[in-house]
Structures are given as C-alpha cells and as structure tokens.
Amino acid sequence: MITWQRLDYDELESGANDYDKLVRKLEKSQKDIDKLHPFIKLKSAIKGFKDSLPLIRNLTDPAVIERHWKRIMEETGKDIGEINLKTFTLSKVFELELQFHEEKVTEICKEAKEEKKNDETISKIDDRWKSYYFEVFKHMNKTTNEFKGWAIKSPDEVREKIEEDILLLQTVGSSKYARSIKQKVAQWEADLNLVSDVIDVWMQVQRKWIYLESIYSSEDIKIQLQEDARKFHKVHQTYSKVMEATQKDSRVLY
C-alpha cells in the first residue's frame, strides 16, 4: 500500500503507460475483446487512471495541505475519511475519481500554490522586521558638551520600509487567494500603521525635548521659571527612562 508522502510519480506514470500498452496489445491480438465487459471495465479504469495523473502531479505539490484535500472531497462528493498526509494512501486518491473533476481540482491546486506564495511573503515580512533597529546616539548639550540623554536618528529608512511593506500587504490582501491569511495581513497592516504613528509622535516629542533641554539647562532660566523648570525636569526624567530602554534594546518591533 503506497502512502501519499512516499509516492513516486515517475514510477506511477511508467506503470500507467505499461498498462495502457498492454490494453492496446490485447485489442490488436484478441478479436472482439473490446466487446467483453471485463475488458471494457479494465480499459475504462486505465483511462481514468491516466487522465488523473496530471491532477495527481499537481496534488503532490507541498503547497497542497489537509484543508485543500477536504475541499476536494466536498467538490467530488466523496468522503474518504480523515485526511492525514502521513498515512494517506494512493488508493484513497483513486476513490475521489479526480478525472471527473479536473477543472475544480486544478483550481484548488492553483489556489494552494498561490496561498503558499502569500504565506512566504508574510514570513519574509516577519523576518525582515526582526532585523530593523533604531539608530540611537548620545545627545550632548551644545554649550557645555555635557551628555543629556539618548536620542534616535531620523528614522526615514524605517518609514520607507513601512511604506514598502504596507503596499506589499495591500497587494497580497487584494489577491483572490488571500483568504487563509486575511487575518495576518490585517494584523501586519495595523502594526505597521501603529509604528508609523508612534514614530511621528516620537520625533515631535524628541524635537521639543532637545529644544527645551537647551533652555532649561540654563541656571538663570531655572531661577526665573522655577515652576516650568520643575515640570520640564519631571518630563525629562520620564523621557530619559524611555530612551535608556530604547538604547538597551533598539528593535523597531518586538
């Protein structure tokens, strides 16, 4: 009994051709054999076998997984039981009589391959964003050259990556074969839009912090604007903690 995962397509095709040659040989050597019911049944079975071979080749693609086989069962109206590709046998495939459902099976196989491409695209996005980091630098007071805290350099490159991947996600999401990854696409779009919004706010806060730090570092200003200086100092402490954490781990996404 041949399991699906151990199937050798070339060997299967070779066997089908051998049986087909045998049938043709019998037709030529045995008069009126094509009128005998057993021979008619044999010839029909071999033809069905050969006609299903291109579909079987498509179905051996690793992109075709359990859920696609379940859809094939629905389309063929054949219930061959639980689908487990490790124990699934070739005889079960023949029970589906694929040759009578060529168009639909071909479409399901195409869908499986396109879904795999989309999955690979999402996986690449996953991997890419694990390697993106903010560039952190020391902010020094221009007058005293004193270290005042950490800051991030302009994240224009990160913004470009966000725009590129959002466009890519929109392309994937609009595909007719994106049904299985709609949720992943939506989550990534939400995450990247959030990162973009956070960066915009972050840079505004950083610019204000750098500007105000230069003002409130002056002893004269601290004396003249004591209440404002205290407020800034409180914000400065909170912001410094955020930036210290960023300096220790500057990944854009966790």
Protein backbone atom coordinates (compact mmCIF):
# COMPACT_ATOMS: atom_id res chain seq x y z
CA MET A 1 0.00 0.00 0.00
CA ILE A 2 1.61 3.27 -1.17
CA THR A 3 1.34 6.23 1.19
CA TRP A 4 0.96 9.66 -0.36
CA GLN A 5 4.23 11.01 1.04
CA ARG A 6 6.19 8.07 -0.44
CA LEU A 7 4.56 8.32 -3.84
CA ASP A 8 6.97 8.19 -6.81
CA TYR A 9 5.13 9.99 -9.60
CA ASP A 10 7.51 8.90 -12.36
CA GLU A 11 7.06 5.26 -11.34
CA LEU A 12 3.30 5.74 -11.27
CA GLU A 13 3.29 7.26 -14.75
CA SER A 14 5.51 4.50 -16.08
CA GLY A 15 3.15 1.84 -14.69
CA ALA A 16 0.12 3.56 -16.24
CA ASN A 17 1.83 3.64 -19.64
CA ASP A 18 2.72 -0.05 -19.35
CA TYR A 19 -0.91 -0.97 -18.63
CA ASP A 20 -2.08 1.22 -21.50
CA LYS A 21 0.30 -0.56 -23.89
CA LEU A 22 -0.97 -3.91 -22.64
CA VAL A 23 -4.59 -2.91 -23.36
CA ARG A 24 -3.69 -1.77 -26.87
CA LYS A 25 -1.81 -5.01 -27.46
CA LEU A 26 -4.79 -7.06 -26.35
CA GLU A 27 -7.09 -5.07 -28.66
CA LYS A 28 -4.89 -5.91 -31.61
CA SER A 29 -4.32 -9.56 -30.77
CA GLN A 30 -7.73 -10.58 -29.44
CA LYS A 31 -10.66 -10.25 -31.82
CA ASP A 32 -13.82 -8.67 -30.38
CA ILE A 33 -12.19 -8.32 -26.96
CA ASP A 34 -13.45 -4.73 -26.83
CA LYS A 35 -16.98 -6.13 -26.58
CA LEU A 36 -16.27 -8.07 -23.40
CA HIS A 37 -17.48 -6.39 -20.23
CA PRO A 38 -14.34 -7.20 -18.11
CA PHE A 39 -12.09 -5.73 -20.79
CA ILE A 40 -14.29 -2.63 -21.19
CA LYS A 41 -14.14 -2.12 -17.42
CA LEU A 42 -10.35 -2.59 -17.38
CA LYS A 43 -9.85 -0.18 -20.28
CA SER A 44 -12.05 2.43 -18.61
CA ALA A 45 -10.18 2.08 -15.31
CA ILE A 46 -6.81 2.53 -17.01
CA LYS A 47 -8.05 5.54 -18.97
CA GLY A 48 -9.37 7.10 -15.76
CA PHE A 49 -6.04 6.36 -14.11
CA LYS A 50 -4.09 8.05 -16.92
CA ASP A 51 -6.45 11.01 -17.06
CA SER A 52 -5.99 11.60 -13.34
CA LEU A 53 -2.17 11.54 -13.50
CA PRO A 54 -1.71 15.27 -14.29
CA LEU A 55 -4.00 16.09 -11.37
CA ILE A 56 -2.07 13.75 -9.09
CA ARG A 57 1.16 15.50 -10.09
CA ASN A 58 -0.38 18.84 -9.11
CA LEU A 59 -1.61 17.40 -5.84
CA THR A 60 1.87 16.18 -4.88
CA ASP A 61 2.97 19.82 -4.56
CA PRO A 62 3.85 20.54 -0.89
CA ALA A 63 1.55 23.56 -1.05
CA VAL A 64 -1.46 21.23 -1.09
CA ILE A 65 -2.26 20.55 2.55
CA GLU A 66 -5.10 18.97 4.53
CA ARG A 67 -7.59 21.80 4.08
CA HIS A 68 -7.25 21.60 0.28
CA TRP A 69 -7.93 17.86 0.33
CA LYS A 70 -11.07 18.49 2.38
CA ARG A 71 -12.25 20.94 -0.28
CA ILE A 72 -11.57 18.35 -2.97
CA MET A 73 -13.73 15.88 -1.05
CA GLU A 74 -16.51 18.48 -0.98
CA GLU A 75 -16.19 19.08 -4.73
CA THR A 76 -16.10 15.40 -5.67
CA GLY A 77 -18.80 14.41 -3.19
CA LYS A 78 -16.56 11.58 -1.99
CA ASP A 79 -15.88 11.08 1.72
CA ILE A 80 -12.60 9.22 2.11
CA GLY A 81 -12.33 9.83 5.83
CA GLU A 82 -9.84 11.80 7.85
CA ILE A 83 -7.01 13.40 5.89
CA ASN A 84 -3.57 12.68 7.31
CA LEU A 85 -0.85 13.12 4.69
CA LYS A 86 1.48 10.82 6.64
CA THR A 87 -0.87 7.84 6.39
CA PHE A 88 -2.95 8.89 3.37
CA THR A 89 -2.79 6.24 0.62
CA LEU A 90 -2.90 6.39 -3.15
CA SER A 91 -5.91 4.08 -3.21
CA LYS A 92 -7.86 6.75 -1.31
CA VAL A 93 -6.96 9.27 -4.00
CA PHE A 94 -8.31 6.98 -6.69
CA GLU A 95 -11.61 6.79 -4.79
CA LEU A 96 -12.05 10.51 -5.47
CA GLU A 97 -12.25 9.88 -9.24
CA LEU A 98 -10.36 13.09 -9.91
CA GLN A 99 -10.65 12.75 -13.69
CA PHE A 100 -14.33 13.76 -13.45
CA HIS A 101 -13.50 16.97 -11.57
CA GLU A 102 -10.43 18.17 -13.46
CA GLU A 103 -11.33 21.88 -13.62
CA LYS A 104 -12.15 22.26 -9.93
CA VAL A 105 -9.20 20.19 -8.71
CA THR A 106 -6.86 22.21 -10.94
CA GLU A 107 -8.25 25.43 -9.46
CA ILE A 108 -7.78 24.16 -5.89
CA CYS A 109 -4.18 23.20 -6.67
CA LYS A 110 -3.54 26.66 -8.15
CA GLU A 111 -5.09 28.26 -5.08
CA ALA A 112 -2.84 26.16 -2.81
CA LYS A 113 0.28 27.29 -4.66
CA GLU A 114 -0.75 30.95 -4.60
CA GLU A 115 -1.57 30.69 -0.89
CA LYS A 116 1.88 29.28 -0.26
CA LYS A 117 3.44 32.23 -2.10
CA ASN A 118 1.40 34.61 0.04
CA ASP A 119 2.44 32.75 3.21
CA GLU A 120 6.08 33.05 2.15
CA THR A 121 5.62 36.80 1.58
CA ILE A 122 4.23 37.20 5.12
CA SER A 123 7.07 35.09 6.53
CA LYS A 124 9.62 37.33 4.79
CA ILE A 125 7.96 40.40 6.32
CA ASP A 126 8.11 38.69 9.73
CA ASP A 127 11.82 38.01 9.31
CA ARG A 128 12.64 41.48 7.97
CA TRP A 129 11.09 43.31 10.88
CA LYS A 130 13.07 41.25 13.36
CA SER A 131 16.21 42.86 11.96
CA TYR A 132 15.16 46.53 11.93
CA TYR A 133 16.61 48.76 14.66
CA PHE A 134 16.50 52.43 15.53
CA GLU A 135 19.87 54.16 15.41
CA VAL A 136 20.46 55.66 18.87
CA PHE A 137 23.01 58.36 19.63
CA LYS A 138 24.17 60.45 22.58
CA HIS A 139 22.59 63.90 22.78
CA MET A 140 25.14 66.39 24.09
CA ASN A 141 24.46 69.92 25.34
CA LYS A 142 25.94 72.21 22.67
CA THR A 143 27.11 74.77 25.22
CA THR A 144 28.59 72.54 27.92
CA ASN A 145 29.19 69.42 25.80
CA GLU A 146 27.54 67.51 28.63
CA PHE A 147 25.70 64.24 27.95
CA LYS A 148 21.99 64.89 28.35
CA GLY A 149 20.40 61.66 27.23
CA TRP A 150 19.83 59.29 24.34
CA ALA A 151 18.07 60.19 21.12
CA ILE A 152 17.24 58.41 17.86
CA LYS A 153 18.48 59.48 14.48
CA SER A 154 15.92 60.32 11.81
CA PRO A 155 14.09 57.03 11.10
CA ASP A 156 13.49 57.81 7.42
CA GLU A 157 14.73 54.38 6.36
CA VAL A 158 12.29 52.70 8.74
CA ARG A 159 9.48 54.87 7.34
CA GLU A 160 10.41 53.77 3.81
CA LYS A 161 10.30 50.12 4.86
CA ILE A 162 6.88 50.67 6.42
CA GLU A 163 5.52 52.21 3.20
CA GLU A 164 7.02 49.42 1.07
CA ASP A 165 5.59 46.64 3.21
CA ILE A 166 2.15 48.25 3.56
CA LEU A 167 1.94 48.40 -0.25
CA LEU A 168 3.09 44.77 -0.42
CA LEU A 169 0.49 43.74 2.16
CA GLN A 170 -2.24 45.56 0.25
CA THR A 171 -1.25 43.66 -2.89
CA VAL A 172 -1.29 40.33 -1.05
CA GLY A 173 -4.56 41.16 0.72
CA SER A 174 -6.32 42.00 -2.55
CA SER A 175 -5.42 38.63 -4.05
CA LYS A 176 -8.32 36.21 -4.58
CA TYR A 177 -6.09 33.61 -2.91
CA ALA A 178 -5.55 35.54 0.32
CA ARG A 179 -8.46 34.00 2.20
CA SER A 180 -6.28 31.93 4.56
CA ILE A 181 -4.05 34.87 5.56
CA LYS A 182 -6.53 37.77 5.70
CA GLN A 183 -6.14 38.00 9.46
CA LYS A 184 -2.33 38.03 9.30
CA VAL A 185 -2.37 40.72 6.62
CA ALA A 186 -4.79 42.87 8.62
CA GLN A 187 -2.68 42.48 11.77
CA TRP A 188 0.53 43.45 9.97
CA GLU A 189 -1.10 46.49 8.39
CA ALA A 190 -2.38 47.59 11.81
CA ASP A 191 1.06 47.03 13.40
CA LEU A 192 2.96 48.96 10.72
CA ASN A 193 0.50 51.85 10.76
CA LEU A 194 0.85 51.99 14.54
CA VAL A 195 4.65 52.03 14.26
CA SER A 196 4.39 54.86 11.75
CA ASP A 197 2.12 56.87 14.06
CA VAL A 198 4.39 56.24 17.07
CA ILE A 199 7.45 57.37 15.11
CA ASP A 200 5.71 60.61 14.11
CA VAL A 201 4.79 61.41 17.71
CA TRP A 202 8.18 60.26 18.99
CA MET A 203 10.07 62.59 16.67
CA GLN A 204 7.85 65.51 17.65
CA VAL A 205 8.50 64.83 21.34
CA GLN A 206 12.22 64.41 20.73
CA ARG A 207 12.49 67.71 18.87
CA LYS A 208 10.66 69.51 21.68
CA TRP A 209 12.77 67.77 24.32
CA ILE A 210 16.04 68.79 22.62
CA TYR A 211 14.80 72.37 22.26
CA LEU A 212 13.54 72.68 25.85
CA GLU A 213 16.54 70.89 27.32
CA SER A 214 18.81 73.56 25.88
CA ILE A 215 16.64 76.23 27.54
CA TYR A 216 16.11 74.68 30.96
CA SER A 217 19.72 73.62 31.33
CA SER A 218 20.47 77.30 31.95
CA GLU A 219 20.71 78.12 35.67
CA ASP A 220 19.27 81.57 35.04
CA ILE A 221 16.17 80.09 33.39
CA LYS A 222 15.74 77.62 36.26
CA ILE A 223 15.65 80.54 38.68
CA GLN A 224 13.41 82.75 36.57
CA LEU A 225 10.96 79.99 35.57
CA GLN A 226 11.07 77.69 38.56
CA GLU A 227 7.62 76.12 38.10
CA ASP A 228 8.15 75.48 34.38
CA ALA A 229 11.63 74.14 35.09
CA ARG A 230 10.20 71.67 37.63
CA LYS A 231 7.59 70.49 35.11
CA PHE A 232 10.23 70.00 32.44
CA HIS A 233 12.51 68.14 34.85
CA LYS A 234 9.70 65.69 35.62
CA VAL A 235 9.03 65.09 31.92
CA HIS A 236 12.77 64.86 31.29
CA GLN A 237 13.13 62.05 33.83
CA THR A 238 10.29 60.06 32.30
CA TYR A 239 11.53 60.58 28.76
CA SER A 240 15.10 59.68 29.75
CA LYS A 241 13.90 56.32 31.11
CA VAL A 242 12.15 55.59 27.82
CA MET A 243 15.28 56.45 25.86
CA GLU A 244 17.56 54.43 28.15
CA ALA A 245 15.36 51.40 27.49
CA THR A 246 15.50 52.15 23.76
CA GLN A 247 19.29 52.37 23.86
CA LYS A 248 19.45 48.93 25.52
CA ASP A 249 17.04 47.38 23.01
CA SER A 250 16.50 49.46 19.88
CA ARG A 251 14.42 46.98 17.90
CA VAL A 252 11.62 48.68 15.98
CA LEU A 253 9.23 45.77 16.61
CA TYR A 254 9.28 43.18 19.38
